C-alpha cells in the first residue's frame, strides 16, 4: 500500500522529469535550428565564393583576349 506522502513524492518526481524532458527537448530544438542556420549560411557563402571565382576567371579571360 502506497502512503499519501509517497504518492505525492512520486507525483512531484514525475513532474520534475517532465519539466527536465521539456527543457532538454527545447535545447535540442534550438541546437538543430542553429545547425540548420549555420549550414544555410555556409551554403550561401560557398555559392558566393564560387560566383566570385567564376567572375574573376571571366574577367581574366577578357583581359587576356584584349
Protein backbone atom coordinates (compact mmCIF):
# COMPACT_ATOMS: atom_id res chain seq x y z
CA UNK A 1 0.00 0.00 0.00
CA UNK A 2 1.36 3.37 -1.04
CA UNK A 3 1.17 6.13 1.51
CA UNK A 4 -0.10 9.59 0.69
CA UNK A 5 3.36 11.09 1.21
CA UNK A 6 4.95 8.61 -1.15
CA UNK A 7 2.24 9.22 -3.72
CA UNK A 8 2.86 12.99 -3.58
CA UNK A 9 6.60 12.44 -3.81
CA UNK A 10 6.19 10.24 -6.87
CA UNK A 11 3.92 12.83 -8.47
CA UNK A 12 6.49 15.58 -7.84
CA UNK A 13 9.22 13.36 -9.25
CA UNK A 14 7.16 12.75 -12.41
CA UNK A 15 6.55 16.47 -12.78
CA UNK A 16 10.24 17.21 -12.41
CA UNK A 17 11.09 14.59 -15.01
CA UNK A 18 8.54 16.06 -17.43
CA UNK A 19 9.96 19.56 -16.97
CA UNK A 20 13.50 18.30 -17.47
CA UNK A 21 12.49 16.43 -20.64
CA UNK A 22 10.71 19.52 -21.94
CA UNK A 23 13.81 21.63 -21.28
CA UNK A 24 16.03 19.05 -22.99
CA UNK A 25 13.70 18.92 -25.99
CA UNK A 26 13.80 22.72 -26.23
CA UNK A 27 17.61 22.73 -26.07
CA UNK A 28 17.77 20.10 -28.80
CA UNK A 29 15.36 22.11 -30.95
CA UNK A 30 17.48 25.24 -30.54
CA UNK A 31 20.65 23.31 -31.36
CA UNK A 32 19.06 21.85 -34.50
CA UNK A 33 17.88 25.29 -35.60
CA UNK A 34 21.39 26.65 -35.05
CA UNK A 35 22.93 23.82 -37.10
CA UNK A 36 20.43 24.39 -39.89
CA UNK A 37 21.12 28.13 -39.92
CA UNK A 38 24.88 27.55 -39.97
CA UNK A 39 24.53 25.07 -42.83
CA UNK A 40 22.38 27.52 -44.80
CA UNK A 41 24.85 30.36 -44.25
CA UNK A 42 27.76 28.12 -45.25
CA UNK A 43 25.92 27.13 -48.41
CA UNK A 44 25.32 30.78 -49.27
CA UNK A 45 28.95 31.68 -48.56
CA UNK A 46 30.28 28.86 -50.72
CA UNK A 47 27.92 29.81 -53.55
CA UNK A 48 29.09 33.42 -53.37
CA UNK A 49 32.74 32.35 -53.37
CA UNK A 50 32.13 30.14 -56.41
CA UNK A 51 30.40 33.02 -58.17
CA UNK A 52 33.27 35.37 -57.32
CA UNK A 53 35.79 32.88 -58.71
CA UNK A 54 33.75 32.48 -61.89
CA UNK A 55 33.57 36.26 -62.36
CA UNK A 56 37.28 36.64 -61.74
CA UNK A 57 38.03 33.87 -64.25
CA UNK A 58 35.83 35.51 -66.88
CA UNK A 59 37.45 38.90 -66.24
CA UNK A 60 40.90 37.35 -66.58
CA UNK A 61 39.92 35.71 -69.88
CA UNK A 62 38.67 39.07 -71.23
CA UNK A 63 41.89 40.78 -70.18
CA UNK A 64 44.00 38.11 -71.87
CA UNK A 65 41.93 38.32 -75.04
CA UNK A 66 42.39 42.08 -75.25
